[in-house]
Amino acid sequence: MDIFRRKLISILRGKLKCTRCGCGLLRSVVLTTDLRYSTAGSQTHFGFQNVNEEEKEKKVYEVFRNVADSYDLMNDVMSGGIHRLWKDHFISQLAPTSGTRLLDVAGGTGDIAFRFLKYVDSNQSPADGRLDFSNSTLDLDANNVHADQGQTDEANCNATGSHVTVLDINQNMLEVGQARAARSGITKGVSWLRGNAECLPIADDSYDAYTIAFGIRNCTHVDRVISEAYRILKPGGRFMCLEFSYVENPLLRRLYDAYSFQVIPVMGKLIAGDWKSYQYLVESIRKFPRQEEFRMMMEDAQFKITSYENLTLGVAAIHSGFKL
């Protein structure tokens, strides 16, 4: 049945006008037999809760509105700083070159965007696979400026001709990211755009690369997000996703679960004054597809040369695919 469904998904494709986000673009969409695409009041998960699809987007927005100001600090505390190493490795695996146009989705605070700009400015991959920020003016703790929609024309590219568009559905997260850019003196090579990952206000075949880090699990329809990534990538473009994943080792999984459910929400309350948001974030990880299942979803969306790499024994994983 799964094989039949994947074949059906890959065959039944069409062109429809986007009406959800109002961009009016002619876009490719996957036509499936899943009723959630057309039935009002369909249920989905919000962590371990079952909610209406329309309600989930609002709830997720509230979560990230609540945690935006403390988001980066909490990432450091919860992971012991390991998330920085994961993101460094993520960009080194992408290995962007001069002139690359990147769309970074759910990237409001700028972690991936700033690493991308640093990487292309250095114009080479460091020998040990990690990025050197020692000579950078990047301030990872800056905040409090207003976000707006930037330009993506040649005048806004950096010295290497590269550009990253940071897209996020949450205005508060974008404001944090632009604050960091302002504090660091980054005025070229990056623009900020509020938008929905399931319905991108972007024309077909526009970007060389698409990244999404720790954001796709918060989307209502993960398959739509992947299909939109395929649509906006140029032929030869690369999709890369960094996300929490499934730990295979039973002993490590029990320890990880105990830490996640018993420690992280407590830290959220003590540091950010918010228990519920961090309880949701922990639960959302457990609802996300496992590595091989997500790889098959990428193939359903027509990506080729799909693969994944486990990080820290599967606590996180990097997924990669190409539009060929």
Protein backbone atom coordinates (compact mmCIF):
# COMPACT_ATOMS: atom_id res chain seq x y z
CA MET A 1 0.00 0.00 0.00
CA ASP A 2 2.85 2.43 0.85
CA ILE A 3 4.55 1.72 -2.47
CA PHE A 4 1.28 2.24 -4.32
CA ARG A 5 0.65 5.51 -2.47
CA ARG A 6 4.14 6.85 -3.27
CA LYS A 7 3.68 5.99 -6.94
CA LEU A 8 0.29 7.67 -6.95
CA ILE A 9 1.68 10.80 -5.32
CA SER A 10 4.53 11.02 -7.83
CA ILE A 11 2.10 10.72 -10.77
CA LEU A 12 -0.81 12.92 -9.69
CA ARG A 13 0.61 16.41 -9.91
CA GLY A 14 -0.89 19.59 -11.26
CA LYS A 15 -0.73 23.36 -11.40
CA LEU A 16 -2.95 25.41 -9.12
CA LYS A 17 -3.21 29.03 -8.14
CA CYS A 18 -2.23 29.68 -4.55
CA THR A 19 -5.11 31.11 -2.56
CA ARG A 20 -4.02 30.42 1.00
CA CYS A 21 -1.31 33.04 1.37
CA GLY A 22 -2.59 35.40 -1.33
CA CYS A 23 0.59 35.40 -3.37
CA GLY A 24 -1.29 34.39 -6.53
CA LEU A 25 1.65 32.39 -7.85
CA LEU A 26 1.15 29.49 -10.21
CA ARG A 27 2.62 26.60 -8.28
CA SER A 28 3.14 22.86 -8.45
CA VAL A 29 1.31 20.91 -5.78
CA VAL A 30 1.11 17.26 -4.87
CA LEU A 31 -2.37 15.85 -5.31
CA THR A 32 -3.00 13.00 -2.87
CA THR A 33 -5.97 11.09 -1.56
CA ASP A 34 -5.32 12.45 1.96
CA LEU A 35 -8.56 14.16 3.03
CA ARG A 36 -6.73 16.67 5.21
CA TYR A 37 -5.93 18.64 2.05
CA SER A 38 -9.55 19.41 1.42
CA THR A 39 -11.61 18.67 4.52
CA ALA A 40 -12.33 21.49 6.96
CA GLY A 41 -11.94 20.65 10.63
CA SER A 42 -9.40 17.88 10.03
CA GLN A 43 -7.33 16.87 13.03
CA THR A 44 -3.58 17.00 13.46
CA HIS A 45 -1.19 16.88 16.39
CA PHE A 46 0.08 19.72 18.53
CA GLY A 47 2.66 17.89 20.57
CA PHE A 48 0.68 15.01 22.08
CA GLN A 49 -2.65 16.84 21.76
CA ASN A 50 -5.08 16.41 18.88
CA VAL A 51 -6.28 19.75 17.52
CA ASN A 52 -7.92 21.11 14.38
CA GLU A 53 -5.46 21.98 11.66
CA GLU A 54 -6.50 25.63 11.72
CA GLU A 55 -5.83 25.73 15.47
CA LYS A 56 -2.34 24.24 15.25
CA GLU A 57 -0.89 27.11 13.22
CA LYS A 58 -2.17 29.60 15.79
CA LYS A 59 -0.82 27.56 18.70
CA VAL A 60 2.62 27.18 17.10
CA TYR A 61 2.71 30.91 16.40
CA GLU A 62 1.99 31.58 20.07
CA VAL A 63 4.75 29.21 21.16
CA PHE A 64 7.42 31.00 19.15
CA ARG A 65 6.07 34.42 20.02
CA ASN A 66 6.51 33.45 23.67
CA VAL A 67 10.02 31.99 23.33
CA ALA A 68 11.53 34.34 20.70
CA ASP A 69 13.54 36.53 23.08
CA SER A 70 15.05 33.57 24.95
CA TYR A 71 15.16 31.13 22.03
CA ASP A 72 18.92 31.17 21.42
CA LEU A 73 19.80 31.13 25.11
CA MET A 74 17.51 28.17 25.70
CA ASN A 75 19.05 26.31 22.75
CA ASP A 76 22.46 26.68 24.37
CA VAL A 77 21.21 25.60 27.79
CA MET A 78 19.15 22.63 26.56
CA SER A 79 21.84 21.24 24.25
CA GLY A 80 24.95 22.26 26.15
CA GLY A 81 25.92 24.24 23.06
CA ILE A 82 25.90 21.16 20.83
CA HIS A 83 23.31 22.75 18.52
CA ARG A 84 26.05 25.18 17.42
CA LEU A 85 28.24 22.28 16.29
CA TRP A 86 25.31 20.68 14.48
CA LYS A 87 24.60 23.92 12.62
CA ASP A 88 28.27 24.44 11.76
CA HIS A 89 28.37 20.94 10.31
CA PHE A 90 25.08 21.52 8.50
CA ILE A 91 26.51 24.49 6.61
CA SER A 92 29.79 22.73 5.91
CA GLN A 93 27.79 19.87 4.35
CA LEU A 94 25.83 22.35 2.24
CA ALA A 95 29.19 23.83 1.19
CA PRO A 96 27.77 26.91 -0.58
CA THR A 97 29.90 28.70 -3.14
CA SER A 98 30.11 32.34 -4.19
CA GLY A 99 26.92 33.51 -5.87
CA THR A 100 24.67 31.03 -4.07
CA ARG A 101 21.08 32.15 -3.47
CA LEU A 102 19.74 30.48 -0.33
CA LEU A 103 16.24 30.41 1.12
CA ASP A 104 16.42 29.65 4.85
CA VAL A 105 12.94 28.74 6.07
CA ALA A 106 11.86 28.96 9.72
CA GLY A 107 15.17 30.72 10.23
CA GLY A 108 13.96 33.84 12.03
CA THR A 109 16.79 34.24 14.55
CA GLY A 110 19.39 34.01 11.79
CA ASP A 111 21.55 31.13 13.05
CA ILE A 112 21.78 29.42 9.66
CA ALA A 113 21.78 32.65 7.61
CA PHE A 114 24.75 34.13 9.46
CA ARG A 115 26.71 30.89 9.20
CA PHE A 116 25.97 30.81 5.47
CA LEU A 117 27.27 34.36 4.98
CA LYS A 118 30.39 33.63 7.01
CA TYR A 119 31.02 30.47 5.01
CA VAL A 120 30.69 32.06 1.56
CA ASP A 121 32.78 35.03 2.68
CA SER A 122 35.58 32.66 3.64
CA ASN A 123 35.05 30.99 0.24
CA GLN A 124 36.42 27.69 1.42
CA SER A 125 35.51 24.80 3.70
CA PRO A 126 37.65 24.69 6.85
CA ALA A 127 39.87 21.65 7.09
CA ASP A 128 38.20 20.29 10.22
CA GLY A 129 34.66 20.88 8.91
CA ARG A 130 33.88 23.55 11.52
CA LEU A 131 33.41 27.24 10.98
CA ASP A 132 35.78 29.77 12.53
CA PHE A 133 33.94 32.73 14.05
CA SER A 134 36.96 34.07 15.92
CA ASN A 135 37.44 37.04 13.59
CA SER A 136 33.76 37.71 13.00
CA THR A 137 31.83 40.70 14.34
CA LEU A 138 28.71 38.54 14.55
CA ASP A 139 26.92 39.09 17.86
CA LEU A 140 24.86 35.99 18.58
CA ASP A 141 23.01 37.69 21.44
CA ALA A 142 21.78 40.88 19.77
CA ASN A 143 18.08 41.72 19.73
CA ASN A 144 15.35 44.34 19.49
CA VAL A 145 15.08 45.85 16.02
CA HIS A 146 12.17 45.74 13.62
CA ALA A 147 12.02 43.22 10.79
CA ASP A 148 11.00 44.08 7.27
CA GLN A 149 11.02 42.47 3.86
CA GLY A 150 14.38 42.96 2.23
CA GLN A 151 15.42 43.12 -1.39
CA THR A 152 16.80 40.11 -3.24
CA ASP A 153 18.26 41.99 -6.18
CA GLU A 154 21.94 42.32 -7.03
CA ALA A 155 22.30 45.47 -4.95
CA ASN A 156 21.59 43.50 -1.80
CA CYS A 157 24.08 40.67 -2.41
CA ASN A 158 27.27 40.54 -0.39
CA ALA A 159 30.78 40.88 -1.83
CA THR A 160 30.71 37.28 -3.08
CA GLY A 161 27.42 37.79 -4.94
CA SER A 162 25.66 35.52 -2.45
CA HIS A 163 22.35 36.16 -0.78
CA VAL A 164 20.16 34.52 1.85
CA THR A 165 16.47 35.18 2.32
CA VAL A 166 15.36 34.35 5.85
CA LEU A 167 11.70 33.38 5.88
CA ASP A 168 9.68 32.83 9.02
CA ILE A 169 5.97 32.87 9.77
CA ASN A 170 6.59 34.50 13.14
CA GLN A 171 7.29 38.23 13.22
CA ASN A 172 8.83 38.05 16.71
CA MET A 173 11.46 35.57 15.53
CA LEU A 174 12.29 37.76 12.52
CA GLU A 175 12.76 40.76 14.79
CA VAL A 176 15.29 38.82 16.87
CA GLY A 177 17.18 37.85 13.72
CA GLN A 178 17.29 41.35 12.31
CA ALA A 179 18.45 42.61 15.66
CA ARG A 180 21.42 40.30 15.55
CA ALA A 181 22.23 41.42 12.01
CA ALA A 182 22.01 45.08 13.02
CA ARG A 183 24.29 44.58 16.04
CA SER A 184 26.79 42.79 13.82
CA GLY A 185 26.77 45.41 11.06
CA ILE A 186 25.40 42.97 8.49
CA THR A 187 23.69 45.12 5.87
CA LYS A 188 24.31 43.15 2.67
CA GLY A 189 23.53 39.64 1.58
CA VAL A 190 20.45 39.02 3.73
CA SER A 191 16.75 39.88 3.54
CA TRP A 192 13.89 39.06 5.85
CA LEU A 193 10.50 37.82 4.75
CA ARG A 194 7.45 36.79 6.68
CA GLY A 195 5.74 33.83 5.06
CA ASN A 196 4.27 30.36 5.43
CA ALA A 197 6.51 27.38 4.61
CA GLU A 198 3.49 25.50 3.26
CA CYS A 199 2.66 28.27 0.77
CA LEU A 200 5.77 30.23 -0.10
CA PRO A 201 5.26 33.70 -1.67
CA ILE A 202 8.12 32.93 -4.05
CA ALA A 203 8.23 32.14 -7.76
CA ASP A 204 9.19 28.74 -9.15
CA ASP A 205 12.86 27.92 -9.76
CA SER A 206 14.17 30.88 -7.75
CA TYR A 207 16.86 29.55 -5.38
CA ASP A 208 20.01 27.44 -5.52
CA ALA A 209 19.52 25.99 -2.05
CA TYR A 210 16.81 25.63 0.58
CA THR A 211 17.53 25.05 4.26
CA ILE A 212 15.25 24.52 7.23
CA ALA A 213 16.70 23.86 10.69
CA PHE A 214 14.57 22.72 13.62
CA GLY A 215 11.45 24.16 12.05
CA ILE A 216 9.75 21.65 9.80
CA ARG A 217 8.33 19.55 12.64
CA ASN A 218 6.25 22.56 13.70
CA CYS A 219 4.46 22.74 10.36
CA THR A 220 0.98 21.26 9.98
CA HIS A 221 1.65 19.53 6.64
CA VAL A 222 5.27 18.44 6.40
CA ASP A 223 4.71 17.00 2.92
CA ARG A 224 3.50 20.38 1.63
CA VAL A 225 6.61 22.05 3.01
CA ILE A 226 8.84 19.61 1.15
CA SER A 227 6.86 20.05 -2.08
CA GLU A 228 7.14 23.84 -1.80
CA ALA A 229 10.88 23.50 -1.33
CA TYR A 230 11.07 21.49 -4.55
CA ARG A 231 8.99 24.07 -6.41
CA ILE A 232 11.09 27.12 -5.57
CA LEU A 233 14.46 25.42 -6.13
CA LYS A 234 16.23 25.80 -9.45
CA PRO A 235 17.04 22.60 -11.36
CA GLY A 236 20.12 21.21 -9.65
CA GLY A 237 19.17 22.95 -6.39
CA ARG A 238 19.62 21.29 -3.03
CA PHE A 239 17.20 20.79 -0.14
CA MET A 240 18.70 20.36 3.33
CA CYS A 241 16.84 19.89 6.58
CA LEU A 242 18.33 19.74 10.08
CA GLU A 243 15.86 18.34 12.58
CA PHE A 244 15.60 16.36 15.79
CA SER A 245 15.14 12.71 15.02
CA TYR A 246 14.84 9.19 16.40
CA VAL A 247 17.47 7.63 18.69
CA GLU A 248 17.76 3.94 17.89
CA ASN A 249 19.77 2.83 20.93
CA PRO A 250 17.21 1.83 23.62
CA LEU A 251 19.34 2.84 26.60
CA LEU A 252 20.29 6.20 25.16
CA ARG A 253 16.67 6.76 24.10
CA ARG A 254 15.44 6.22 27.67
CA LEU A 255 18.04 8.65 29.03
CA TYR A 256 17.21 11.18 26.31
CA ASP A 257 13.47 10.89 26.99
CA ALA A 258 13.99 11.34 30.72
CA TYR A 259 16.08 14.47 30.12
CA SER A 260 13.64 15.83 27.56
CA PHE A 261 10.46 15.43 29.59
CA GLN A 262 11.76 15.95 33.10
CA VAL A 263 14.46 18.59 32.66
CA ILE A 264 13.80 20.73 29.58
CA PRO A 265 10.34 22.04 30.59
CA VAL A 266 11.74 22.88 34.03
CA MET A 267 14.58 24.84 32.45
CA GLY A 268 12.05 26.57 30.22
CA LYS A 269 10.15 27.69 33.31
CA LEU A 270 13.26 28.82 35.21
CA ILE A 271 15.03 30.62 32.34
CA ALA A 272 12.23 31.71 30.02
CA GLY A 273 9.29 31.67 32.43
CA ASP A 274 7.46 29.27 30.11
CA TRP A 275 6.82 25.61 30.87
CA LYS A 276 4.12 24.84 28.30
CA SER A 277 6.00 26.04 25.23
CA TYR A 278 9.00 23.86 26.00
CA GLN A 279 6.77 20.91 26.87
CA TYR A 280 5.28 21.27 23.38
CA LEU A 281 8.71 21.48 21.74
CA VAL A 282 9.77 18.23 23.42
CA GLU A 283 6.54 16.48 22.45
CA SER A 284 6.76 17.70 18.84
CA ILE A 285 10.07 15.89 18.41
CA ARG A 286 8.40 12.56 19.22
CA LYS A 287 5.70 13.16 16.61
CA PHE A 288 8.14 13.86 13.78
CA PRO A 289 8.73 11.12 11.17
CA ARG A 290 11.75 8.89 11.68
CA GLN A 291 14.76 9.21 9.42
CA GLU A 292 13.84 6.71 6.73
CA GLU A 293 10.21 7.81 6.65
CA PHE A 294 11.24 11.42 6.12
CA ARG A 295 13.63 10.37 3.35
CA MET A 296 10.74 8.64 1.58
CA MET A 297 8.65 11.81 1.91
CA MET A 298 11.44 13.67 0.11
CA GLU A 299 11.32 11.10 -2.68
CA ASP A 300 7.53 11.49 -2.86
CA ALA A 301 8.17 15.19 -3.59
CA GLN A 302 10.48 14.15 -6.50
CA PHE A 303 13.82 14.87 -4.80
CA LYS A 304 16.68 12.70 -6.00
CA ILE A 305 19.87 11.41 -4.34
CA THR A 306 18.12 11.58 -1.00
CA SER A 307 20.10 10.77 2.13
CA TYR A 308 20.37 11.46 5.83
CA GLU A 309 23.18 11.68 8.36
CA ASN A 310 22.59 11.04 12.04
CA LEU A 311 24.13 13.47 14.51
CA THR A 312 24.82 12.53 18.14
CA LEU A 313 23.49 8.99 17.62
CA GLY A 314 20.27 10.19 16.03
CA VAL A 315 19.31 12.95 18.44
CA ALA A 316 19.32 15.08 15.29
CA ALA A 317 19.71 14.29 11.61
CA ILE A 318 20.63 16.12 8.41
CA HIS A 319 18.43 15.25 5.43
CA SER A 320 19.55 16.09 1.89
CA GLY A 321 18.05 15.86 -1.59
CA PHE A 322 18.46 17.41 -5.04
CA LYS A 323 16.05 18.75 -7.65
CA LEU A 324 17.28 16.98 -10.77
